[in-house]
């Protein structure tokens, strides 16, 4: 048995997720757009992990930060 071809693009799925989660929360949760990247090697993985680990500390410096 063969699986059917995907009916939606990744961008469409991300947009749907953002829309549904924003409506459920009743407030804006997401920045416009998104960035995706294929992790191709261990060095790539470690660089991305470090960014994700350290990024919350820098949130107040982000151009989209507001209180």
PDB file of N, CA and C in Angstrom:
ATOM      1  N   UNK A   1       0.843  -1.170   0.000  1.00  0.00           N
ATOM      2  CA  UNK A   1       0.000   0.000   0.000  1.00  0.00           C
ATOM      3  C   UNK A   1       0.894   1.242   0.000  1.00  0.00           C
ATOM      4  N   UNK A   2       0.547   2.223  -0.810  1.00  0.00           N
ATOM      5  CA  UNK A   2       1.322   3.454  -0.939  1.00  0.00           C
ATOM      6  C   UNK A   2       0.656   4.587  -0.182  1.00  0.00           C
ATOM      7  N   UNK A   3       1.440   5.404   0.454  1.00  0.00           N
ATOM      8  CA  UNK A   3       0.910   6.578   1.145  1.00  0.00           C
ATOM      9  C   UNK A   3       0.602   7.657   0.122  1.00  0.00           C
ATOM     10  N   UNK A   4      -0.402   8.450   0.415  1.00  0.00           N
ATOM     11  CA  UNK A   4      -0.732   9.530  -0.504  1.00  0.00           C
ATOM     12  C   UNK A   4       0.271  10.670  -0.347  1.00  0.00           C
ATOM     13  N   UNK A   5       0.356  11.481  -1.374  1.00  0.00           N
ATOM     14  CA  UNK A   5       1.266  12.630  -1.359  1.00  0.00           C
ATOM     15  C   UNK A   5       0.775  13.659  -0.341  1.00  0.00           C
ATOM     16  N   UNK A   6       1.680  14.398   0.273  1.00  0.00           N
ATOM     17  CA  UNK A   6       1.267  15.447   1.213  1.00  0.00           C
ATOM     18  C   UNK A   6       0.374  16.467   0.515  1.00  0.00           C
ATOM     19  N   UNK A   7      -0.623  16.950   1.232  1.00  0.00           N
ATOM     20  CA  UNK A   7      -1.550  17.902   0.631  1.00  0.00           C
ATOM     21  C   UNK A   7      -1.234  19.338   1.007  1.00  0.00           C
ATOM     22  N   UNK A   8      -0.388  19.543   1.995  1.00  0.00           N
ATOM     23  CA  UNK A   8      -0.051  20.898   2.421  1.00  0.00           C
ATOM     24  C   UNK A   8       1.462  21.062   2.487  1.00  0.00           C
ATOM     25  N   UNK A   9       1.907  22.273   2.232  1.00  0.00           N
ATOM     26  CA  UNK A   9       3.330  22.575   2.362  1.00  0.00           C
ATOM     27  C   UNK A   9       3.659  22.811   3.837  1.00  0.00           C
ATOM     28  N   UNK A  10       4.939  22.807   4.153  1.00  0.00           N
ATOM     29  CA  UNK A  10       5.363  23.089   5.518  1.00  0.00           C
ATOM     30  C   UNK A  10       4.901  24.485   5.933  1.00  0.00           C
ATOM     31  N   UNK A  11       5.035  25.454   5.036  1.00  0.00           N
ATOM     32  CA  UNK A  11       4.606  26.822   5.345  1.00  0.00           C
ATOM     33  C   UNK A  11       3.138  26.901   5.694  1.00  0.00           C
ATOM     34  N   UNK A  12       2.311  26.154   4.968  1.00  0.00           N
ATOM     35  CA  UNK A  12       0.871  26.136   5.235  1.00  0.00           C
ATOM     36  C   UNK A  12       0.588  25.509   6.599  1.00  0.00           C
ATOM     37  N   UNK A  13       1.291  24.450   6.932  1.00  0.00           N
ATOM     38  CA  UNK A  13       1.105  23.808   8.242  1.00  0.00           C
ATOM     39  C   UNK A  13       1.536  24.724   9.387  1.00  0.00           C
ATOM     40  N   UNK A  14       2.667  25.407   9.216  1.00  0.00           N
ATOM     41  CA  UNK A  14       3.137  26.330  10.251  1.00  0.00           C
ATOM     42  C   UNK A  14       2.136  27.461  10.433  1.00  0.00           C
ATOM     43  N   UNK A  15       1.641  28.020   9.330  1.00  0.00           N
ATOM     44  CA  UNK A  15       0.653  29.103   9.402  1.00  0.00           C
ATOM     45  C   UNK A  15      -0.606  28.625  10.130  1.00  0.00           C
ATOM     46  N   UNK A  16      -1.075  27.426   9.816  1.00  0.00           N
ATOM     47  CA  UNK A  16      -2.264  26.886  10.478  1.00  0.00           C
ATOM     48  C   UNK A  16      -2.037  26.715  11.978  1.00  0.00           C
ATOM     49  N   UNK A  17      -0.867  26.178  12.348  1.00  0.00           N
ATOM     50  CA  UNK A  17      -0.557  26.002  13.762  1.00  0.00           C
ATOM     51  C   UNK A  17      -0.531  27.339  14.493  1.00  0.00           C
ATOM     52  N   UNK A  18       0.107  28.341  13.886  1.00  0.00           N
ATOM     53  CA  UNK A  18       0.178  29.662  14.510  1.00  0.00           C
ATOM     54  C   UNK A  18      -1.207  30.269  14.670  1.00  0.00           C
ATOM     55  N   UNK A  19      -2.042  30.131  13.649  1.00  0.00           N
ATOM     56  CA  UNK A  19      -3.393  30.688  13.702  1.00  0.00           C
ATOM     57  C   UNK A  19      -4.213  30.017  14.797  1.00  0.00           C
ATOM     58  N   UNK A  20      -4.213  28.695  14.826  1.00  0.00           N
ATOM     59  CA  UNK A  20      -5.012  27.971  15.819  1.00  0.00           C
ATOM     60  C   UNK A  20      -4.539  28.227  17.250  1.00  0.00           C
ATOM     61  N   UNK A  21      -3.220  28.243  17.455  1.00  0.00           N
ATOM     62  CA  UNK A  21      -2.715  28.463  18.817  1.00  0.00           C
ATOM     63  C   UNK A  21      -2.954  29.900  19.276  1.00  0.00           C
ATOM     64  N   UNK A  22      -2.883  30.860  18.365  1.00  0.00           N
ATOM     65  CA  UNK A  22      -3.155  32.257  18.711  1.00  0.00           C
ATOM     66  C   UNK A  22      -4.624  32.431  19.091  1.00  0.00           C
ATOM     67  N   UNK A  23      -5.522  31.826  18.307  1.00  0.00           N
ATOM     68  CA  UNK A  23      -6.956  31.910  18.627  1.00  0.00           C
ATOM     69  C   UNK A  23      -7.257  31.253  19.960  1.00  0.00           C
ATOM     70  N   UNK A  24      -6.629  30.116  20.244  1.00  0.00           N
ATOM     71  CA  UNK A  24      -6.857  29.415  21.509  1.00  0.00           C
ATOM     72  C   UNK A  24      -6.377  30.247  22.694  1.00  0.00           C
ATOM     73  N   UNK A  25      -5.258  30.955  22.520  1.00  0.00           N
ATOM     74  CA  UNK A  25      -4.701  31.761  23.611  1.00  0.00           C
ATOM     75  C   UNK A  25      -5.416  33.104  23.754  1.00  0.00           C
ATOM     76  N   UNK A  26      -6.052  33.558  22.683  1.00  0.00           N
ATOM     77  CA  UNK A  26      -6.751  34.840  22.727  1.00  0.00           C
ATOM     78  C   UNK A  26      -5.836  36.045  22.676  1.00  0.00           C
ATOM     79  N   UNK A  27      -4.596  35.833  22.263  1.00  0.00           N
ATOM     80  CA  UNK A  27      -3.642  36.939  22.130  1.00  0.00           C
ATOM     81  C   UNK A  27      -2.545  36.555  21.149  1.00  0.00           C
ATOM     82  N   UNK A  28      -1.818  37.562  20.668  1.00  0.00           N
ATOM     83  CA  UNK A  28      -0.745  37.309  19.711  1.00  0.00           C
ATOM     84  C   UNK A  28       0.404  36.578  20.405  1.00  0.00           C
ATOM     85  N   UNK A  29       0.856  35.485  19.773  1.00  0.00           N
ATOM     86  CA  UNK A  29       1.922  34.674  20.355  1.00  0.00           C
ATOM     87  C   UNK A  29       3.176  34.624  19.496  1.00  0.00           C
ATOM     88  N   UNK A  30       3.047  34.889  18.208  1.00  0.00           N
ATOM     89  CA  UNK A  30       4.106  34.582  17.256  1.00  0.00           C
ATOM     90  C   UNK A  30       4.596  35.806  16.508  1.00  0.00           C
ATOM     91  N   UNK A  31       5.872  35.788  16.157  1.00  0.00           N
ATOM     92  CA  UNK A  31       6.431  36.767  15.228  1.00  0.00           C
ATOM     93  C   UNK A  31       6.053  36.337  13.815  1.00  0.00           C
ATOM     94  N   UNK A  32       6.099  37.261  12.877  1.00  0.00           N
ATOM     95  CA  UNK A  32       5.842  36.906  11.483  1.00  0.00           C
ATOM     96  C   UNK A  32       6.966  36.032  10.969  1.00  0.00           C
ATOM     97  N   UNK A  33       6.626  35.090  10.126  1.00  0.00           N
ATOM     98  CA  UNK A  33       7.607  34.245   9.477  1.00  0.00           C
ATOM     99  C   UNK A  33       8.211  33.199  10.411  1.00  0.00           C
ATOM    100  N   UNK A  34       9.097  32.434   9.871  1.00  0.00           N
ATOM    101  CA  UNK A  34       9.827  31.433  10.634  1.00  0.00           C
ATOM    102  C   UNK A  34      11.089  31.090   9.855  1.00  0.00           C
ATOM    103  N   UNK A  35      12.009  30.439  10.524  1.00  0.00           N
ATOM    104  CA  UNK A  35      13.271  30.057   9.902  1.00  0.00           C
ATOM    105  C   UNK A  35      13.435  28.560  10.073  1.00  0.00           C
ATOM    106  N   UNK A  36      13.653  27.865   8.979  1.00  0.00           N
ATOM    107  CA  UNK A  36      13.916  26.441   9.095  1.00  0.00           C
ATOM    108  C   UNK A  36      15.280  26.129   8.504  1.00  0.00           C
ATOM    109  N   UNK A  37      15.883  25.084   9.009  1.00  0.00           N
ATOM    110  CA  UNK A  37      17.239  24.725   8.590  1.00  0.00           C
ATOM    111  C   UNK A  37      17.424  23.227   8.792  1.00  0.00           C
ATOM    112  N   UNK A  38      17.980  22.555   7.821  1.00  0.00           N
ATOM    113  CA  UNK A  38      18.274  21.139   7.944  1.00  0.00           C
ATOM    114  C   UNK A  38      19.589  20.974   8.694  1.00  0.00           C
ATOM    115  N   UNK A  39      19.563  20.199   9.767  1.00  0.00           N
ATOM    116  CA  UNK A  39      20.773  19.923  10.545  1.00  0.00           C
ATOM    117  C   UNK A  39      21.548  18.840   9.797  1.00  0.00           C
ATOM    118  N   UNK A  40      22.720  19.200   9.297  1.00  0.00           N
ATOM    119  CA  UNK A  40      23.466  18.303   8.419  1.00  0.00           C
ATOM    120  C   UNK A  40      24.641  17.584   9.088  1.00  0.00           C
ATOM    121  N   UNK A  41      25.089  18.088  10.226  1.00  0.00           N
ATOM    122  CA  UNK A  41      26.235  17.464  10.879  1.00  0.00           C
ATOM    123  C   UNK A  41      26.222  17.817  12.367  1.00  0.00           C
ATOM    124  N   UNK A  42      27.114  17.204  13.113  1.00  0.00           N
ATOM    125  CA  UNK A  42      27.157  17.444  14.552  1.00  0.00           C
ATOM    126  C   UNK A  42      27.505  18.898  14.879  1.00  0.00           C
ATOM    127  N   UNK A  43      28.412  19.498  14.107  1.00  0.00           N
ATOM    128  CA  UNK A  43      28.778  20.895  14.350  1.00  0.00           C
ATOM    129  C   UNK A  43      27.561  21.806  14.175  1.00  0.00           C
ATOM    130  N   UNK A  44      26.753  21.536  13.166  1.00  0.00           N
ATOM    131  CA  UNK A  44      25.509  22.275  12.939  1.00  0.00           C
ATOM    132  C   UNK A  44      24.579  22.126  14.138  1.00  0.00           C
ATOM    133  N   UNK A  45      24.410  20.881  14.578  1.00  0.00           N
ATOM    134  CA  UNK A  45      23.556  20.592  15.727  1.00  0.00           C
ATOM    135  C   UNK A  45      24.031  21.353  16.970  1.00  0.00           C
ATOM    136  N   UNK A  46      25.313  21.332  17.256  1.00  0.00           N
ATOM    137  CA  UNK A  46      25.851  21.998  18.450  1.00  0.00           C
ATOM    138  C   UNK A  46      25.683  23.509  18.372  1.00  0.00           C
ATOM    139  N   UNK A  47      25.881  24.092  17.186  1.00  0.00           N
ATOM    140  CA  UNK A  47      25.700  25.537  17.009  1.00  0.00           C
ATOM    141  C   UNK A  47      24.243  25.928  17.258  1.00  0.00           C
ATOM    142  N   UNK A  48      23.331  25.157  16.705  1.00  0.00           N
ATOM    143  CA  UNK A  48      21.898  25.442  16.884  1.00  0.00           C
ATOM    144  C   UNK A  48      21.489  25.229  18.330  1.00  0.00           C
ATOM    145  N   UNK A  49      21.963  24.164  18.949  1.00  0.00           N
ATOM    146  CA  UNK A  49      21.647  23.902  20.354  1.00  0.00           C
ATOM    147  C   UNK A  49      22.129  25.055  21.232  1.00  0.00           C
ATOM    148  N   UNK A  50      23.349  25.537  20.993  1.00  0.00           N
ATOM    149  CA  UNK A  50      23.894  26.645  21.777  1.00  0.00           C
ATOM    150  C   UNK A  50      23.033  27.893  21.606  1.00  0.00           C
ATOM    151  N   UNK A  51      22.627  28.180  20.379  1.00  0.00           N
ATOM    152  CA  UNK A  51      21.767  29.332  20.119  1.00  0.00           C
ATOM    153  C   UNK A  51      20.459  29.199  20.909  1.00  0.00           C
ATOM    154  N   UNK A  52      19.832  28.046  20.851  1.00  0.00           N
ATOM    155  CA  UNK A  52      18.561  27.846  21.552  1.00  0.00           C
ATOM    156  C   UNK A  52      18.738  27.911  23.068  1.00  0.00           C
ATOM    157  N   UNK A  53      19.853  27.405  23.559  1.00  0.00           N
ATOM    158  CA  UNK A  53      20.118  27.410  24.993  1.00  0.00           C
ATOM    159  C   UNK A  53      20.357  28.827  25.516  1.00  0.00           C
ATOM    160  N   UNK A  54      21.069  29.642  24.754  1.00  0.00           N
ATOM    161  CA  UNK A  54      21.442  30.989  25.210  1.00  0.00           C
ATOM    162  C   UNK A  54      20.441  32.062  24.807  1.00  0.00           C
ATOM    163  N   UNK A  55      19.582  31.793  23.841  1.00  0.00           N
ATOM    164  CA  UNK A  55      18.708  32.817  23.301  1.00  0.00           C
ATOM    165  C   UNK A  55      17.736  33.428  24.317  1.00  0.00           C
ATOM    166  N   UNK A  56      17.112  32.661  25.223  1.00  0.00           N
ATOM    167  CA  UNK A  56      16.185  33.290  26.171  1.00  0.00           C
ATOM    168  C   UNK A  56      16.827  34.396  27.007  1.00  0.00           C
ATOM    169  N   UNK A  57      18.096  34.291  27.297  1.00  0.00           N
ATOM    170  CA  UNK A  57      18.797  35.309  28.082  1.00  0.00           C
ATOM    171  C   UNK A  57      18.844  36.637  27.319  1.00  0.00           C
ATOM    172  N   UNK A  58      18.876  36.557  25.985  1.00  0.00           N
ATOM    173  CA  UNK A  58      18.980  37.757  25.149  1.00  0.00           C
ATOM    174  C   UNK A  58      17.632  38.305  24.682  1.00  0.00           C
ATOM    175  N   UNK A  59      16.529  37.744  25.152  1.00  0.00           N
ATOM    176  CA  UNK A  59      15.207  38.138  24.660  1.00  0.00           C
ATOM    177  C   UNK A  59      14.931  39.631  24.859  1.00  0.00           C
ATOM    178  N   UNK A  60      15.343  40.197  25.984  1.00  0.00           N
ATOM    179  CA  UNK A  60      15.077  41.623  26.225  1.00  0.00           C
ATOM    180  C   UNK A  60      15.835  42.527  25.259  1.00  0.00           C
ATOM    181  N   UNK A  61      16.861  42.000  24.588  1.00  0.00           N
ATOM    182  CA  UNK A  61      17.627  42.780  23.609  1.00  0.00           C
ATOM    183  C   UNK A  61      17.033  42.676  22.201  1.00  0.00           C
ATOM    184  N   UNK A  62      16.055  41.813  22.008  1.00  0.00           N
ATOM    185  CA  UNK A  62      15.472  41.584  20.684  1.00  0.00           C
ATOM    186  C   UNK A  62      14.626  42.753  20.219  1.00  0.00           C
ATOM    187  N   UNK A  63      14.620  43.042  18.921  1.00  0.00           N
ATOM    188  CA  UNK A  63      13.853  44.160  18.392  1.00  0.00           C
ATOM    189  C   UNK A  63      12.350  43.968  18.576  1.00  0.00           C
ATOM    190  N   UNK A  64      11.892  42.734  18.753  1.00  0.00           N
ATOM    191  CA  UNK A  64      10.469  42.466  18.926  1.00  0.00           C
ATOM    192  C   UNK A  64      10.034  42.409  20.395  1.00  0.00           C
ATOM    193  N   UNK A  65      10.984  42.572  21.292  1.00  0.00           N
ATOM    194  CA  UNK A  65      10.657  42.519  22.719  1.00  0.00           C
ATOM    195  C   UNK A  65       9.847  43.735  23.138  1.00  0.00           C
ATOM    196  N   UNK A  66       8.808  43.496  23.922  1.00  0.00           N
ATOM    197  CA  UNK A  66       8.045  44.588  24.530  1.00  0.00           C
ATOM    198  C   UNK A  66       7.454  44.076  25.833  1.00  0.00           C
ATOM    199  N   UNK A  67       7.200  44.982  26.758  1.00  0.00           N
ATOM    200  CA  UNK A  67       6.603  44.582  28.042  1.00  0.00           C
ATOM    201  C   UNK A  67       5.151  44.973  28.069  1.00  0.00           C
TER     202      UNK A  67
END
